[in-house]
Amino acid sequence: AKLTVKAEAGREEVHVQKFPKILRTDKCDVALLKILESDWGKWRPRTIEELKDALEANELSFSGRVLGGVLMGLVRRGEVRRWKTDAGYVYILAEKEALA
């Protein structure tokens, strides 16, 4: 899904966000991992708001409470990394360590 906003005054086009397309699922953890595995998710760490917007662009709706709980579970399992920034906590797919 691609969203473009046109401003009348200056005739400016502002590219807002292009979200990845994922298959429909009822499982929040599966949806989050698919989004974080996409080029969009790998490009940079994402806030919970950005992840929620990406899910909504795919017609998937989970409450902020559910998203937060599922993300914490993914962090505890080592599948997702999280750290605090000025914008709040950000999430990115954890890198798989190569077996020696």
Protein backbone atom coordinates (compact mmCIF):
# COMPACT_ATOMS: atom_id res chain seq x y z
CA ALA A 1 0.00 0.00 0.00
CA LYS A 2 1.36 3.39 -0.95
CA LEU A 3 0.03 6.68 0.41
CA THR A 4 0.70 10.01 -1.30
CA VAL A 5 -0.52 13.31 0.09
CA LYS A 6 -0.94 16.29 -2.21
CA ALA A 7 -0.89 19.78 -0.75
CA GLU A 8 -2.95 22.35 -2.64
CA ALA A 9 -1.01 25.50 -1.73
CA GLY A 10 2.44 24.61 -3.05
CA ARG A 11 1.39 21.67 -5.22
CA GLU A 12 3.86 19.54 -3.27
CA GLU A 13 3.70 15.77 -3.25
CA VAL A 14 4.80 14.15 -0.06
CA HIS A 15 5.55 10.41 -0.06
CA VAL A 16 4.34 9.32 3.34
CA GLN A 17 5.07 5.60 3.64
CA LYS A 18 5.22 2.43 1.59
CA PHE A 19 4.43 -0.60 3.69
CA PRO A 20 5.28 -4.23 2.86
CA LYS A 21 2.50 -6.55 1.70
CA ILE A 22 2.15 -9.72 3.78
CA LEU A 23 -0.22 -12.68 3.74
CA ARG A 24 -3.27 -12.44 5.97
CA THR A 25 -2.95 -14.19 9.34
CA ASP A 26 -4.72 -14.15 12.69
CA LYS A 27 -1.44 -14.62 14.56
CA CYS A 28 0.14 -11.35 15.62
CA ASP A 29 3.63 -12.84 16.09
CA VAL A 30 3.63 -14.30 12.56
CA ALA A 31 2.47 -10.98 11.07
CA LEU A 32 5.11 -8.98 12.98
CA LEU A 33 7.91 -11.34 11.96
CA LYS A 34 6.83 -11.17 8.28
CA ILE A 35 6.86 -7.36 8.42
CA LEU A 36 10.25 -7.25 10.16
CA GLU A 37 11.66 -9.77 7.63
CA SER A 38 10.65 -7.51 4.72
CA ASP A 39 13.00 -4.93 3.18
CA TRP A 40 10.92 -2.25 4.96
CA GLY A 41 11.48 -3.92 8.33
CA LYS A 42 15.18 -4.57 7.75
CA TRP A 43 15.90 -1.05 6.50
CA ARG A 44 15.89 0.44 10.01
CA PRO A 45 14.49 -0.28 13.48
CA ARG A 46 10.75 0.46 13.70
CA THR A 47 8.60 1.91 16.47
CA ILE A 48 5.47 0.15 17.66
CA GLU A 49 3.42 2.87 15.92
CA GLU A 50 5.13 2.17 12.59
CA LEU A 51 4.56 -1.56 13.02
CA LYS A 52 0.90 -0.96 13.86
CA ASP A 53 0.53 1.23 10.73
CA ALA A 54 2.15 -1.48 8.59
CA LEU A 55 -0.26 -4.08 9.99
CA GLU A 56 -3.25 -1.79 9.35
CA ALA A 57 -2.06 -1.24 5.77
CA ASN A 58 -2.38 -5.02 5.41
CA GLU A 59 -5.89 -4.93 6.92
CA LEU A 60 -4.67 -6.55 10.14
CA SER A 61 -5.78 -4.96 13.39
CA PHE A 62 -4.26 -5.74 16.77
CA SER A 63 -4.53 -3.51 19.85
CA GLY A 64 -1.46 -1.70 21.13
CA ARG A 65 -1.56 -3.88 24.23
CA VAL A 66 -1.48 -7.08 22.15
CA LEU A 67 1.33 -5.71 19.94
CA GLY A 68 3.39 -4.74 22.98
CA GLY A 69 2.94 -8.14 24.61
CA VAL A 70 3.76 -10.07 21.45
CA LEU A 71 6.83 -7.91 20.76
CA MET A 72 8.10 -8.51 24.31
CA GLY A 73 7.63 -12.26 23.80
CA LEU A 74 9.62 -12.10 20.56
CA VAL A 75 12.35 -10.12 22.36
CA ARG A 76 12.50 -12.70 25.20
CA ARG A 77 12.77 -15.53 22.65
CA GLY A 78 15.64 -13.71 20.93
CA GLU A 79 13.82 -13.31 17.60
CA VAL A 80 13.58 -9.51 17.83
CA ARG A 81 15.93 -6.91 19.31
CA ARG A 82 14.66 -3.82 21.13
CA TRP A 83 16.25 -0.67 22.53
CA LYS A 84 15.16 2.77 23.69
CA THR A 85 15.63 5.87 21.54
CA ASP A 86 14.37 9.46 21.74
CA ALA A 87 11.34 8.30 19.71
CA GLY A 88 10.63 5.46 22.17
CA TYR A 89 11.44 1.77 21.89
CA VAL A 90 12.39 0.46 18.45
CA TYR A 91 12.33 -3.11 17.16
CA ILE A 92 14.29 -4.97 14.50
CA LEU A 93 14.71 -8.61 13.56
CA ALA A 94 17.54 -10.27 15.53
CA GLU A 95 20.39 -11.51 13.38
CA LYS A 96 20.89 -15.24 13.38
CA GLU A 97 24.39 -16.13 14.58
CA ALA A 98 26.35 -18.34 12.22
CA LEU A 99 27.18 -21.76 13.64
CA ALA A 100 30.92 -22.36 13.83
